[in-house]
Amino acid sequence: MYEYKSEVWNASAKLLSDKPNEKDLAELDKLINEWAKDGWELVSNSFFVPTVSKSGASLLTFRRKKD
């Protein structure tokens, strides 16, 4: 049995005009590794566009085994 946790991560790249940059990638790697230290495994990354923003966001879902 697993427990799940989701987090929204906002990229600084603007839609349709920017590509992911090294800063965004490093920030995302840091976030994933921080969760991994506590036993969380990334299982899903869903990109979406918030209606009030020009930048995209990702819904990251992590899981870990329940004790």
N, C-alpha and C. Protein backbone atom coordinates (compact mmCIF):
# COMPACT_ATOMS: atom_id res chain seq x y z
N MET A 1 0.85 -1.18 0.00
CA MET A 1 0.00 0.00 0.00
C MET A 1 0.89 1.24 0.00
N TYR A 2 0.48 2.25 -0.76
CA TYR A 2 1.24 3.49 -0.88
C TYR A 2 0.42 4.67 -0.37
N GLU A 3 1.13 5.71 0.02
CA GLU A 3 0.50 7.00 0.27
C GLU A 3 1.03 7.94 -0.80
N TYR A 4 0.23 8.94 -1.17
CA TYR A 4 0.57 9.85 -2.27
C TYR A 4 0.55 11.29 -1.80
N LYS A 5 1.40 12.09 -2.43
CA LYS A 5 1.45 13.53 -2.14
C LYS A 5 1.68 14.25 -3.46
N SER A 6 0.96 15.33 -3.68
CA SER A 6 1.11 16.11 -4.91
C SER A 6 1.55 17.52 -4.58
N GLU A 7 2.29 18.10 -5.52
CA GLU A 7 2.79 19.47 -5.34
C GLU A 7 2.79 20.16 -6.70
N VAL A 8 2.42 21.42 -6.72
CA VAL A 8 2.46 22.22 -7.95
C VAL A 8 3.82 22.91 -8.00
N TRP A 9 4.49 22.77 -9.13
CA TRP A 9 5.78 23.43 -9.35
C TRP A 9 5.62 24.37 -10.54
N ASN A 10 5.94 25.65 -10.32
CA ASN A 10 5.81 26.67 -11.37
C ASN A 10 7.16 26.94 -12.02
N ALA A 11 7.19 26.84 -13.32
CA ALA A 11 8.41 27.14 -14.08
C ALA A 11 8.46 28.63 -14.38
N SER A 12 9.66 29.16 -14.57
CA SER A 12 9.78 30.58 -14.90
C SER A 12 9.64 30.82 -16.40
N ALA A 13 9.78 29.78 -17.21
CA ALA A 13 9.69 29.92 -18.67
C ALA A 13 8.28 30.34 -19.06
N LYS A 14 8.18 31.26 -19.99
CA LYS A 14 6.88 31.70 -20.49
C LYS A 14 6.42 30.78 -21.62
N LEU A 15 5.15 30.55 -21.68
CA LEU A 15 4.58 29.66 -22.70
C LEU A 15 4.80 30.19 -24.10
N LEU A 16 5.06 29.30 -25.00
CA LEU A 16 5.19 29.57 -26.43
C LEU A 16 6.38 30.44 -26.82
N SER A 17 7.12 30.98 -25.86
CA SER A 17 8.24 31.83 -26.23
C SER A 17 9.56 31.40 -25.61
N ASP A 18 9.54 30.65 -24.55
CA ASP A 18 10.76 30.24 -23.87
C ASP A 18 10.89 28.73 -23.84
N LYS A 19 12.11 28.29 -23.72
CA LYS A 19 12.39 26.87 -23.50
C LYS A 19 12.78 26.72 -22.04
N PRO A 20 12.70 25.51 -21.49
CA PRO A 20 13.17 25.32 -20.12
C PRO A 20 14.63 25.77 -20.02
N ASN A 21 14.95 26.43 -18.92
CA ASN A 21 16.31 26.89 -18.76
C ASN A 21 17.02 26.10 -17.66
N GLU A 22 18.32 26.28 -17.56
CA GLU A 22 19.12 25.53 -16.59
C GLU A 22 18.68 25.79 -15.15
N LYS A 23 18.27 27.02 -14.88
CA LYS A 23 17.81 27.36 -13.52
C LYS A 23 16.57 26.56 -13.16
N ASP A 24 15.60 26.51 -14.07
CA ASP A 24 14.37 25.74 -13.82
C ASP A 24 14.69 24.26 -13.63
N LEU A 25 15.54 23.72 -14.49
CA LEU A 25 15.88 22.29 -14.39
C LEU A 25 16.58 21.98 -13.07
N ALA A 26 17.50 22.85 -12.65
CA ALA A 26 18.20 22.65 -11.38
C ALA A 26 17.23 22.73 -10.20
N GLU A 27 16.28 23.67 -10.26
CA GLU A 27 15.28 23.82 -9.20
C GLU A 27 14.39 22.57 -9.12
N LEU A 28 13.99 22.06 -10.28
CA LEU A 28 13.16 20.86 -10.31
C LEU A 28 13.92 19.65 -9.79
N ASP A 29 15.17 19.49 -10.18
CA ASP A 29 16.00 18.39 -9.67
C ASP A 29 16.13 18.47 -8.15
N LYS A 30 16.34 19.68 -7.64
CA LYS A 30 16.48 19.87 -6.19
C LYS A 30 15.20 19.44 -5.47
N LEU A 31 14.06 19.86 -6.00
CA LEU A 31 12.77 19.51 -5.39
C LEU A 31 12.56 17.99 -5.37
N ILE A 32 12.80 17.35 -6.50
CA ILE A 32 12.63 15.89 -6.58
C ILE A 32 13.56 15.18 -5.61
N ASN A 33 14.81 15.62 -5.54
CA ASN A 33 15.79 14.99 -4.63
C ASN A 33 15.46 15.22 -3.16
N GLU A 34 14.90 16.39 -2.83
CA GLU A 34 14.48 16.64 -1.45
C GLU A 34 13.38 15.66 -1.03
N TRP A 35 12.40 15.43 -1.90
CA TRP A 35 11.34 14.47 -1.59
C TRP A 35 11.90 13.05 -1.51
N ALA A 36 12.84 12.73 -2.39
CA ALA A 36 13.43 11.38 -2.40
C ALA A 36 14.16 11.08 -1.08
N LYS A 37 14.77 12.08 -0.47
CA LYS A 37 15.46 11.87 0.81
C LYS A 37 14.52 11.36 1.89
N ASP A 38 13.24 11.72 1.77
CA ASP A 38 12.23 11.28 2.74
C ASP A 38 11.48 10.04 2.27
N GLY A 39 12.00 9.40 1.21
CA GLY A 39 11.40 8.15 0.75
C GLY A 39 10.32 8.30 -0.30
N TRP A 40 10.11 9.53 -0.82
CA TRP A 40 9.08 9.75 -1.83
C TRP A 40 9.65 9.52 -3.21
N GLU A 41 8.90 8.84 -4.05
CA GLU A 41 9.29 8.53 -5.43
C GLU A 41 8.37 9.30 -6.37
N LEU A 42 8.95 10.00 -7.36
CA LEU A 42 8.15 10.71 -8.35
C LEU A 42 7.47 9.69 -9.26
N VAL A 43 6.14 9.76 -9.36
CA VAL A 43 5.41 8.81 -10.20
C VAL A 43 4.63 9.48 -11.33
N SER A 44 4.45 10.81 -11.26
CA SER A 44 3.69 11.48 -12.30
C SER A 44 4.10 12.94 -12.38
N ASN A 45 4.16 13.45 -13.61
CA ASN A 45 4.43 14.86 -13.86
C ASN A 45 3.44 15.31 -14.93
N SER A 46 2.47 16.11 -14.54
CA SER A 46 1.44 16.57 -15.48
C SER A 46 1.57 18.07 -15.69
N PHE A 47 1.83 18.47 -16.93
CA PHE A 47 1.96 19.89 -17.26
C PHE A 47 0.58 20.49 -17.46
N PHE A 48 0.39 21.70 -16.94
CA PHE A 48 -0.86 22.40 -17.17
C PHE A 48 -0.60 23.90 -17.21
N VAL A 49 -1.57 24.64 -17.70
CA VAL A 49 -1.44 26.09 -17.81
C VAL A 49 -2.48 26.74 -16.90
N PRO A 50 -2.03 27.37 -15.81
CA PRO A 50 -3.00 28.09 -14.97
C PRO A 50 -3.64 29.22 -15.76
N THR A 51 -4.89 29.49 -15.54
CA THR A 51 -5.61 30.49 -16.33
C THR A 51 -5.18 31.92 -16.02
N VAL A 52 -4.55 32.15 -14.90
CA VAL A 52 -4.16 33.51 -14.52
C VAL A 52 -2.66 33.75 -14.69
N SER A 53 -1.98 32.88 -15.41
CA SER A 53 -0.53 33.00 -15.55
C SER A 53 -0.12 32.80 -17.00
N LYS A 54 1.00 33.41 -17.36
CA LYS A 54 1.55 33.19 -18.69
C LYS A 54 2.59 32.08 -18.68
N SER A 55 2.91 31.59 -17.50
CA SER A 55 3.88 30.50 -17.37
C SER A 55 3.16 29.20 -17.10
N GLY A 56 3.81 28.11 -17.47
CA GLY A 56 3.24 26.79 -17.23
C GLY A 56 3.59 26.30 -15.83
N ALA A 57 2.94 25.26 -15.44
CA ALA A 57 3.18 24.64 -14.15
C ALA A 57 3.09 23.13 -14.32
N SER A 58 3.66 22.43 -13.37
CA SER A 58 3.58 20.97 -13.36
C SER A 58 2.99 20.50 -12.05
N LEU A 59 2.12 19.53 -12.14
CA LEU A 59 1.61 18.87 -10.96
C LEU A 59 2.45 17.62 -10.78
N LEU A 60 3.26 17.61 -9.74
CA LEU A 60 4.15 16.48 -9.45
C LEU A 60 3.49 15.60 -8.41
N THR A 61 3.42 14.31 -8.66
CA THR A 61 2.84 13.38 -7.71
C THR A 61 3.90 12.37 -7.28
N PHE A 62 4.04 12.24 -5.96
CA PHE A 62 5.03 11.36 -5.37
C PHE A 62 4.31 10.27 -4.58
N ARG A 63 4.98 9.14 -4.40
CA ARG A 63 4.42 8.09 -3.55
C ARG A 63 5.53 7.48 -2.71
N ARG A 64 5.12 6.87 -1.59
CA ARG A 64 6.02 6.07 -0.78
C ARG A 64 5.21 4.99 -0.09
N LYS A 65 5.90 3.94 0.28
CA LYS A 65 5.22 2.83 0.94
C LYS A 65 4.77 3.24 2.33
N LYS A 66 3.55 2.82 2.68
CA LYS A 66 3.05 3.05 4.03
C LYS A 66 3.66 2.01 4.96
N ASP A 67 3.92 2.45 6.16
CA ASP A 67 4.46 1.50 7.17
C ASP A 67 3.39 0.59 7.70
